[in-house]
Amino acid sequence: MGHYNLYVSLLYFLFVIGLCGNWIEIAYGTESGSVRVIVQHPETVGHGPQLFQTFTVHQSSVTKVTLSEKYLVSVCSEYNHVRTWTVTRFRGMISTQPGSTPEASFKIVSLEAVEPCVSYYAGNDFGPFGEQDDEQVFVQKVVPETDQLFVRLASNGKRVCVIQSVDCSIISSFYVHECEGSSRMGSRPRRFIFTGHSNGTIQMWDLTTALDPSFHQDKVSDVSGGPTPEELWKLLDQCDLSNSHCSTPCISPCPSLAGVGARIKTSNVLFLNQSHNSEAVAGSSQQQ
């Protein structure tokens, strides 16, 4: 078997200690958009890790990949397009029967500013957050200067909750942290979201309660995931999305709006136009 040069854009390594022995699971993404899972089970000790499965669904380089107890989650560079698969396990180990099956496909859209702060990406990583055996989430910040965050399940993209700054200040950074439970019997760890704000304050949010299924029993909602078209346009209200350099009727950005909000990269305008056109087509088909 020959050797081939392979550019790995991201690697996720998992070492498990189980009753049946120890095993290794490795998931990695490539620049070409492929996602591969490599495993080494106790019965194959003495041999190198074996290729378990290859997924070729992304059309851009893979930027994130995680392998949890129930799901394989990958993200590519094209508008943070997420693809997820359910993982079948037997005695804790990944099984080929019936194998991994597609679960969901969605986008965690995060529009970029023209000149972002150097530390912006470090403080605004959208995830996924969560332990290997727990429910993982994405935290979506749609525009650079906003007081809202959309928390979504990593498995299917459904909305968990919307976090809005209590004092309407801009959320400049955020992070999800899990705190150990108390020593009492049955006490579970709790997850919190910490948000840093433009006015120097830090706000703390209880994510464990939001993830509790009983918390949503009395709440009927048609919202499936990220921002609705109405919510999106409200978020974009203070952003300059124009990519025109014409002086008629006025220069871009408009002088009256100068300094009001962040300027968004012109490359994001194409995505917004695509989203608007798809919504218009869907609406016309429903009317027919």
Protein backbone atom coordinates (compact mmCIF):
# COMPACT_ATOMS: atom_id res chain seq x y z
CA MET A 1 0.00 0.00 0.00
CA GLY A 2 1.50 3.33 -1.05
CA HIS A 3 1.88 6.45 1.03
CA TYR A 4 -0.12 9.54 0.17
CA ASN A 5 0.22 13.11 1.36
CA LEU A 6 -2.92 14.07 3.27
CA TYR A 7 -3.67 17.54 4.58
CA VAL A 8 -5.61 17.18 7.83
CA SER A 9 -7.42 20.39 8.71
CA LEU A 10 -8.68 19.20 12.10
CA LEU A 11 -8.19 16.19 14.37
CA TYR A 12 -10.34 14.92 17.25
CA PHE A 13 -8.79 12.23 19.47
CA LEU A 14 -10.74 10.13 22.00
CA PHE A 15 -9.20 7.56 24.35
CA VAL A 16 -11.74 5.41 26.21
CA ILE A 17 -11.22 3.12 29.21
CA GLY A 18 -13.98 0.50 29.33
CA LEU A 19 -14.84 -2.79 30.99
CA CYS A 20 -13.97 -4.66 27.80
CA GLY A 21 -10.59 -2.97 27.51
CA ASN A 22 -9.25 0.29 26.19
CA TRP A 23 -9.86 1.64 22.72
CA ILE A 24 -9.08 4.66 20.61
CA GLU A 25 -11.38 6.65 18.34
CA ILE A 26 -10.01 9.31 16.02
CA ALA A 27 -12.13 11.60 13.84
CA TYR A 28 -10.48 14.06 11.49
CA GLY A 29 -11.44 16.40 8.69
CA THR A 30 -9.46 17.27 5.58
CA GLU A 31 -8.95 20.32 3.42
CA SER A 32 -10.92 18.64 0.63
CA GLY A 33 -14.00 18.30 2.85
CA SER A 34 -13.77 14.62 3.80
CA VAL A 35 -14.44 13.38 7.33
CA ARG A 36 -12.88 10.09 8.44
CA VAL A 37 -13.21 7.99 11.58
CA ILE A 38 -10.36 5.68 12.63
CA VAL A 39 -10.72 3.18 15.49
CA GLN A 40 -8.56 0.73 17.39
CA HIS A 41 -10.56 -1.73 19.48
CA PRO A 42 -9.24 -4.23 22.08
CA GLU A 43 -9.54 -7.14 19.64
CA THR A 44 -7.25 -5.37 17.18
CA VAL A 45 -4.45 -4.67 19.66
CA GLY A 46 -1.11 -5.18 17.98
CA HIS A 47 -2.36 -3.69 14.75
CA GLY A 48 -2.57 -0.07 13.75
CA PRO A 49 -5.84 1.89 13.88
CA GLN A 50 -8.30 0.84 11.20
CA LEU A 51 -10.34 3.14 8.96
CA PHE A 52 -13.94 2.83 10.14
CA GLN A 53 -15.85 5.13 7.83
CA THR A 54 -15.39 8.03 5.40
CA PHE A 55 -17.89 10.82 4.78
CA THR A 56 -17.60 13.02 1.68
CA VAL A 57 -20.48 15.48 2.04
CA HIS A 58 -18.68 18.80 2.56
CA GLN A 59 -17.55 20.88 -0.41
CA SER A 60 -15.14 23.05 1.61
CA SER A 61 -12.38 22.36 4.11
CA VAL A 62 -13.47 20.93 7.46
CA THR A 63 -12.84 23.34 10.34
CA LYS A 64 -14.38 21.44 13.27
CA VAL A 65 -15.15 17.81 14.08
CA THR A 66 -16.24 16.11 17.30
CA LEU A 67 -17.18 12.52 18.09
CA SER A 68 -19.51 12.05 21.06
CA GLU A 69 -21.28 9.03 22.47
CA LYS A 70 -24.25 9.46 20.12
CA TYR A 71 -23.19 11.78 17.30
CA LEU A 72 -20.43 12.67 14.87
CA VAL A 73 -20.48 16.41 14.17
CA SER A 74 -18.46 18.19 11.49
CA VAL A 75 -18.32 21.81 10.34
CA CYS A 76 -16.88 23.16 7.09
CA SER A 77 -15.65 26.64 6.21
CA GLU A 78 -18.58 27.46 3.91
CA TYR A 79 -20.82 29.55 6.20
CA ASN A 80 -20.13 27.10 9.06
CA HIS A 81 -22.16 24.37 7.38
CA VAL A 82 -22.77 21.58 9.94
CA ARG A 83 -23.40 17.92 9.12
CA THR A 84 -24.23 15.38 11.82
CA TRP A 85 -24.54 11.59 11.93
CA THR A 86 -25.90 9.25 14.56
CA VAL A 87 -23.34 6.78 15.87
CA THR A 88 -24.26 3.19 16.73
CA ARG A 89 -22.37 1.66 19.64
CA PHE A 90 -22.14 -1.82 21.15
CA ARG A 91 -20.71 -2.05 24.66
CA GLY A 92 -19.51 1.51 24.26
CA MET A 93 -17.57 0.91 21.05
CA ILE A 94 -18.56 2.17 17.61
CA SER A 95 -20.38 -0.55 15.70
CA THR A 96 -20.75 -1.11 11.97
CA GLN A 97 -24.26 -2.51 12.40
CA PRO A 98 -26.26 -0.62 11.27
CA GLY A 99 -23.49 1.98 11.09
CA SER A 100 -23.59 5.77 11.11
CA THR A 101 -26.63 7.40 9.52
CA PRO A 102 -27.17 11.07 8.52
CA GLU A 103 -28.97 13.08 11.19
CA ALA A 104 -29.07 16.77 10.23
CA SER A 105 -27.68 19.52 8.01
CA PHE A 106 -27.73 23.20 9.00
CA LYS A 107 -25.61 26.36 9.15
CA ILE A 108 -24.27 28.35 12.10
CA VAL A 109 -24.06 31.62 10.20
CA SER A 110 -21.74 34.19 11.74
CA LEU A 111 -21.22 37.27 9.59
CA GLU A 112 -17.72 38.71 9.80
CA ALA A 113 -16.75 42.33 10.23
CA VAL A 114 -14.45 44.01 7.72
CA GLU A 115 -11.80 44.70 10.36
CA PRO A 116 -12.40 42.40 13.36
CA CYS A 117 -10.45 42.75 16.58
CA VAL A 118 -7.38 40.52 16.83
CA SER A 119 -8.86 38.62 19.79
CA TYR A 120 -12.39 38.44 18.36
CA TYR A 121 -12.27 34.82 17.18
CA ALA A 122 -10.72 33.57 20.42
CA GLY A 123 -13.58 35.03 22.47
CA ASN A 124 -16.37 34.17 20.05
CA ASP A 125 -15.80 30.50 19.19
CA PHE A 126 -19.22 28.99 18.45
CA GLY A 127 -18.39 25.48 19.68
CA PRO A 128 -19.57 22.80 19.87
CA PHE A 129 -19.47 22.84 23.67
CA GLY A 130 -20.13 19.87 25.95
CA GLU A 131 -18.69 16.63 27.24
CA GLN A 132 -18.38 13.49 25.13
CA ASP A 133 -21.27 11.76 26.92
CA ASP A 134 -23.52 14.82 27.20
CA GLU A 135 -25.67 17.02 24.96
CA GLN A 136 -23.43 19.35 22.97
CA VAL A 137 -24.44 22.83 21.84
CA PHE A 138 -23.45 25.57 19.42
CA VAL A 139 -23.58 29.23 20.42
CA GLN A 140 -24.41 31.38 17.39
CA LYS A 141 -23.48 35.06 17.25
CA VAL A 142 -24.96 36.25 13.98
CA VAL A 143 -23.36 39.71 13.70
CA PRO A 144 -20.23 41.10 15.39
CA GLU A 145 -22.03 43.79 17.40
CA THR A 146 -25.16 42.35 18.98
CA ASP A 147 -26.76 41.80 22.36
CA GLN A 148 -28.15 38.37 21.42
CA LEU A 149 -26.82 34.81 21.22
CA PHE A 150 -28.68 31.80 19.81
CA VAL A 151 -27.99 28.52 21.62
CA ARG A 152 -28.60 25.48 19.39
CA LEU A 153 -28.25 21.72 19.76
CA ALA A 154 -25.18 20.38 17.99
CA SER A 155 -27.02 17.19 17.03
CA ASN A 156 -29.81 18.74 14.95
CA GLY A 157 -29.45 22.54 15.08
CA LYS A 158 -32.69 23.10 16.96
CA ARG A 159 -32.92 26.20 19.12
CA VAL A 160 -32.44 25.76 22.85
CA CYS A 161 -32.82 29.39 23.88
CA VAL A 162 -31.91 32.97 23.03
CA ILE A 163 -29.64 34.89 25.38
CA GLN A 164 -30.13 38.65 25.41
CA SER A 165 -28.01 41.08 27.39
CA VAL A 166 -29.93 42.30 30.45
CA ASP A 167 -28.69 45.87 29.95
CA CYS A 168 -28.78 45.85 26.11
CA SER A 169 -24.97 46.11 26.00
CA ILE A 170 -23.05 44.50 23.14
CA ILE A 171 -21.78 40.97 23.80
CA SER A 172 -18.07 41.09 23.00
CA SER A 173 -17.17 37.51 24.02
CA PHE A 174 -18.68 34.35 25.48
CA TYR A 175 -17.72 30.94 26.81
CA VAL A 176 -19.54 27.79 27.99
CA HIS A 177 -18.25 26.28 31.23
CA GLU A 178 -19.28 23.15 33.13
CA CYS A 179 -19.10 23.24 36.92
CA GLU A 180 -18.82 20.11 39.02
CA GLY A 181 -21.89 19.17 41.04
CA SER A 182 -21.97 19.16 44.81
CA SER A 183 -21.04 16.11 46.86
CA ARG A 184 -24.70 15.26 47.42
CA MET A 185 -26.01 11.99 45.98
CA GLY A 186 -27.37 12.38 42.47
CA SER A 187 -26.07 15.91 41.99
CA ARG A 188 -25.18 16.54 38.35
CA PRO A 189 -22.68 19.03 36.91
CA ARG A 190 -24.21 22.31 35.76
CA ARG A 191 -23.39 24.24 32.62
CA PHE A 192 -23.22 28.00 32.41
CA ILE A 193 -22.62 30.56 29.67
CA PHE A 194 -20.44 33.51 30.61
CA THR A 195 -20.80 36.59 28.40
CA GLY A 196 -18.41 39.53 28.35
CA HIS A 197 -19.81 42.91 27.35
CA SER A 198 -18.60 46.12 25.76
CA ASN A 199 -19.19 48.06 28.99
CA GLY A 200 -16.83 45.80 30.94
CA THR A 201 -19.46 43.67 32.69
CA ILE A 202 -19.75 39.88 32.79
CA GLN A 203 -23.11 38.13 32.82
CA MET A 204 -23.74 34.51 33.79
CA TRP A 205 -26.50 32.31 32.32
CA ASP A 206 -27.84 28.93 33.44
CA LEU A 207 -27.63 26.59 30.44
CA THR A 208 -28.52 23.42 32.38
CA THR A 209 -32.08 24.61 32.97
CA ALA A 210 -32.49 25.60 29.32
CA LEU A 211 -31.41 22.10 28.23
CA ASP A 212 -33.86 20.39 30.59
CA PRO A 213 -36.73 18.94 28.47
CA SER A 214 -39.27 19.79 31.19
CA PHE A 215 -38.34 23.47 30.79
CA HIS A 216 -39.84 23.48 27.28
CA GLN A 217 -42.97 21.40 27.91
CA ASP A 218 -45.27 24.41 28.28
CA LYS A 219 -43.55 26.45 25.57
CA VAL A 220 -44.95 25.92 22.07
CA SER A 221 -42.68 27.35 19.38
CA ASP A 222 -42.43 27.03 15.60
CA VAL A 223 -38.81 28.22 15.60
CA SER A 224 -36.56 25.38 14.46
CA GLY A 225 -33.05 26.73 14.89
CA GLY A 226 -31.26 29.96 14.15
CA PRO A 227 -32.75 33.41 13.68
CA THR A 228 -35.97 33.75 11.71
CA PRO A 229 -35.99 36.15 8.73
CA GLU A 230 -37.59 38.81 10.94
CA GLU A 231 -34.99 38.30 13.68
CA LEU A 232 -32.18 38.37 11.12
CA TRP A 233 -33.23 41.69 9.62
CA LYS A 234 -33.46 43.22 13.08
CA LEU A 235 -29.92 42.07 13.81
CA LEU A 236 -28.71 43.50 10.50
CA ASP A 237 -30.46 46.81 11.07
CA GLN A 238 -27.33 48.46 12.49
CA CYS A 239 -24.85 46.86 10.07
CA ASP A 240 -23.56 48.17 6.77
CA LEU A 241 -24.03 45.46 4.13
CA SER A 242 -23.56 47.57 1.01
CA ASN A 243 -20.76 46.64 -1.38
CA SER A 244 -21.38 49.51 -3.77
CA HIS A 245 -18.68 52.09 -4.46
CA CYS A 246 -20.92 54.40 -6.47
CA SER A 247 -21.33 57.99 -5.23
CA THR A 248 -25.00 58.04 -6.20
CA PRO A 249 -27.16 58.48 -4.21
CA CYS A 250 -24.50 58.54 -1.47
CA ILE A 251 -21.27 56.86 -0.57
CA SER A 252 -21.22 53.58 1.33
CA PRO A 253 -21.46 53.51 4.24
CA CYS A 254 -24.00 56.28 4.47
CA PRO A 255 -22.50 59.28 6.35
CA SER A 256 -25.53 59.41 8.63
CA LEU A 257 -24.81 55.84 9.74
CA ALA A 258 -21.06 56.22 10.10
CA GLY A 259 -19.89 54.86 13.42
CA VAL A 260 -23.30 53.40 14.26
CA GLY A 261 -22.53 49.73 13.70
CA ALA A 262 -20.05 47.24 12.35
CA ARG A 263 -19.30 46.95 8.66
CA ILE A 264 -19.90 43.42 7.40
CA LYS A 265 -17.68 41.77 4.79
CA THR A 266 -19.16 42.02 1.30
CA SER A 267 -18.73 38.26 0.85
CA ASN A 268 -21.63 37.79 3.26
CA VAL A 269 -24.02 39.69 0.99
CA LEU A 270 -24.12 36.75 -1.43
CA PHE A 271 -25.25 34.41 1.33
CA LEU A 272 -27.97 36.82 2.47
CA ASN A 273 -29.25 37.13 -1.10
CA GLN A 274 -29.32 33.34 -1.44
CA SER A 275 -31.27 33.02 1.81
CA HIS A 276 -33.75 35.70 0.71
CA ASN A 277 -34.30 34.06 -2.69
CA SER A 278 -34.83 30.60 -1.19
CA GLU A 279 -37.38 32.00 1.26
CA ALA A 280 -39.20 33.78 -1.58
CA VAL A 281 -39.37 30.57 -3.64
CA ALA A 282 -40.65 28.62 -0.63
CA GLY A 283 -43.32 31.25 0.02
CA SER A 284 -44.55 31.27 -3.59
CA SER A 285 -44.76 27.47 -3.70
CA GLN A 286 -46.89 27.45 -0.55
CA GLN A 287 -49.30 29.98 -2.06
CA GLN A 288 -49.75 27.81 -5.14
